[in-house]
Each structure stands twice: as structure tokens, then as C-alpha cells.
Amino acid sequence: MGMANLQRMAMQMQQEMTRIQAELAETQVEGSSGGGVVRAVVTGKQELRSVAIDPSAVDPGDVEMLEDLVVAAVNDALESSRRLAEQKMAAVTGGLGGGLSGLLGGR
């Protein structure tokens, strides 16, 4: 395979990665905790968009539990977002991992 072909393939891969990154920025995933009483929504780029708390979870005498539920819901949403990003990027990189992504200007 010639150098020109490698450069063309790298350029195509970079363009596809840029497209996927834009798609991930628009995609939203949800995480929850406490059986769904706390829900968090993040983008595919791991940006927190919203937190929803069912009023039944609000107990002024146990704020610490609510804080723990919020953290758990956000972490659940972030994990879903990371899995989504890994799946989409693996389709482009063929499972080469983050090393190539870094070389091509990805995250």
C-alpha cells in the first residue's frame, strides 16, 4: 500500500471521526438511580444536560441520600455515554483504540 493511499485513508478516517464527534455532541443518554427517582441526562460528549428528581426522593432530613442518588445517576449516564462513544469510534478505527484517535486529532 502506497503512502498516498495511507494518507487518503487517514484523511477519510479523520473526517468520519469528526462526523461521529459531532453526532455524539447531539446524542443524549440517560442514567438513573434509586429505581428511577433520580435521572440524569448527558450528551455523548459527557456533558451533563439535566437532572430530574422525583419529589418522593426529597427528604429534608436525609439530604445526603439524595446527593448520593444524584451522583449515582450522573455516573450511570456518563458510563452509558462512554460506551456509546467507544462503540461509535471503534466502528471507524477498527478497534485500534485511542492511540490513533489522538494522532488524528480526536479526543
Protein backbone atom coordinates (compact mmCIF):
# COMPACT_ATOMS: atom_id res chain seq x y z
CA MET A 1 0.00 0.00 0.00
CA GLY A 2 1.46 3.32 -1.05
CA MET A 3 1.92 6.41 1.07
CA ALA A 4 -0.76 8.28 -0.92
CA ASN A 5 -3.28 5.54 -0.12
CA LEU A 6 -2.37 5.64 3.57
CA GLN A 7 -2.79 9.42 3.64
CA ARG A 8 -6.14 9.17 1.87
CA MET A 9 -7.33 6.50 4.32
CA ALA A 10 -6.15 8.55 7.31
CA MET A 11 -7.95 11.61 5.96
CA GLN A 12 -11.17 9.64 5.45
CA MET A 13 -10.89 8.21 8.96
CA GLN A 14 -10.37 11.68 10.43
CA GLN A 15 -13.41 13.01 8.57
CA GLU A 16 -15.53 10.12 9.82
CA MET A 17 -14.29 10.67 13.39
CA THR A 18 -15.18 14.37 13.15
CA ARG A 19 -18.67 13.43 11.95
CA ILE A 20 -19.11 10.97 14.81
CA GLN A 21 -17.89 13.50 17.38
CA ALA A 22 -20.50 15.98 16.13
CA GLU A 23 -23.15 13.26 16.31
CA LEU A 24 -22.11 12.37 19.86
CA ALA A 25 -22.40 16.03 20.90
CA GLU A 26 -26.06 15.93 19.84
CA THR A 27 -26.89 12.47 21.21
CA GLN A 28 -28.33 12.27 24.71
CA VAL A 29 -28.31 9.26 27.04
CA GLU A 30 -29.97 8.86 30.41
CA GLY A 31 -28.83 7.29 33.64
CA SER A 32 -30.86 6.71 36.77
CA SER A 33 -30.65 5.62 40.37
CA GLY A 34 -32.98 4.80 43.23
CA GLY A 35 -35.27 2.86 40.92
CA GLY A 36 -35.63 5.87 38.63
CA VAL A 37 -36.38 8.54 41.24
CA VAL A 38 -33.26 10.42 40.12
CA ARG A 39 -32.47 10.69 36.41
CA ALA A 40 -29.55 12.39 34.69
CA VAL A 41 -29.16 13.15 31.00
CA VAL A 42 -25.74 13.61 29.40
CA THR A 43 -24.56 14.01 25.83
CA GLY A 44 -22.34 11.56 24.01
CA LYS A 45 -19.52 14.02 24.78
CA GLN A 46 -20.08 13.53 28.55
CA GLU A 47 -21.73 16.92 29.15
CA LEU A 48 -24.46 16.94 31.82
CA ARG A 49 -27.68 18.35 30.35
CA SER A 50 -30.28 17.78 33.05
CA VAL A 51 -31.08 16.18 36.38
CA ALA A 52 -34.66 15.24 37.32
CA ILE A 53 -35.61 14.33 40.87
CA ASP A 54 -38.93 12.75 41.77
CA PRO A 55 -40.44 14.68 44.70
CA SER A 56 -40.73 11.41 46.65
CA ALA A 57 -36.91 11.34 46.85
CA VAL A 58 -36.75 14.68 48.65
CA ASP A 59 -36.40 14.18 52.40
CA PRO A 60 -35.07 17.28 54.19
CA GLY A 61 -33.83 15.02 56.95
CA ASP A 62 -31.69 12.92 54.60
CA VAL A 63 -30.10 15.26 52.05
CA GLU A 64 -27.02 13.01 51.94
CA MET A 65 -29.04 10.15 50.44
CA LEU A 66 -30.37 12.45 47.71
CA GLU A 67 -26.86 13.67 46.96
CA ASP A 68 -25.69 10.06 46.65
CA LEU A 69 -28.58 9.29 44.29
CA VAL A 70 -27.69 12.27 42.10
CA VAL A 71 -24.03 11.21 41.92
CA ALA A 72 -25.04 7.64 41.07
CA ALA A 73 -27.45 8.76 38.34
CA VAL A 74 -24.88 11.08 36.76
CA ASN A 75 -22.20 8.36 36.86
CA ASP A 76 -24.65 5.89 35.29
CA ALA A 77 -25.41 8.34 32.47
CA LEU A 78 -21.71 9.10 31.94
CA GLU A 79 -20.88 5.39 31.71
CA SER A 80 -23.61 4.92 29.08
CA SER A 81 -22.21 7.90 27.19
CA ARG A 82 -18.65 6.48 27.29
CA ARG A 83 -19.86 3.10 26.00
CA LEU A 84 -21.74 4.80 23.16
CA ALA A 85 -18.68 6.86 22.18
CA GLU A 86 -16.41 3.80 22.29
CA GLN A 87 -18.80 1.81 20.08
CA LYS A 88 -19.07 4.58 17.51
CA MET A 89 -15.34 5.27 17.42
CA ALA A 90 -14.47 1.56 17.23
CA ALA A 91 -16.51 1.39 14.03
CA VAL A 92 -14.17 3.98 12.50
CA THR A 93 -10.84 2.93 13.96
CA GLY A 94 -11.43 -0.79 13.62
CA GLY A 95 -10.68 -1.25 17.30
CA LEU A 96 -7.28 0.46 17.13
CA GLY A 97 -8.10 2.37 20.29
CA GLY A 98 -7.39 5.91 21.40
CA GLY A 99 -3.80 5.99 20.15
CA LEU A 100 -4.77 6.50 16.52
CA SER A 101 -7.56 8.83 17.54
CA GLY A 102 -5.06 11.06 19.29
CA LEU A 103 -2.80 11.10 16.26
CA LEU A 104 -5.69 12.13 14.04
CA GLY A 105 -6.87 14.97 16.25
CA GLY A 106 -9.57 13.12 18.19
CA ARG A 107 -10.10 13.18 21.93
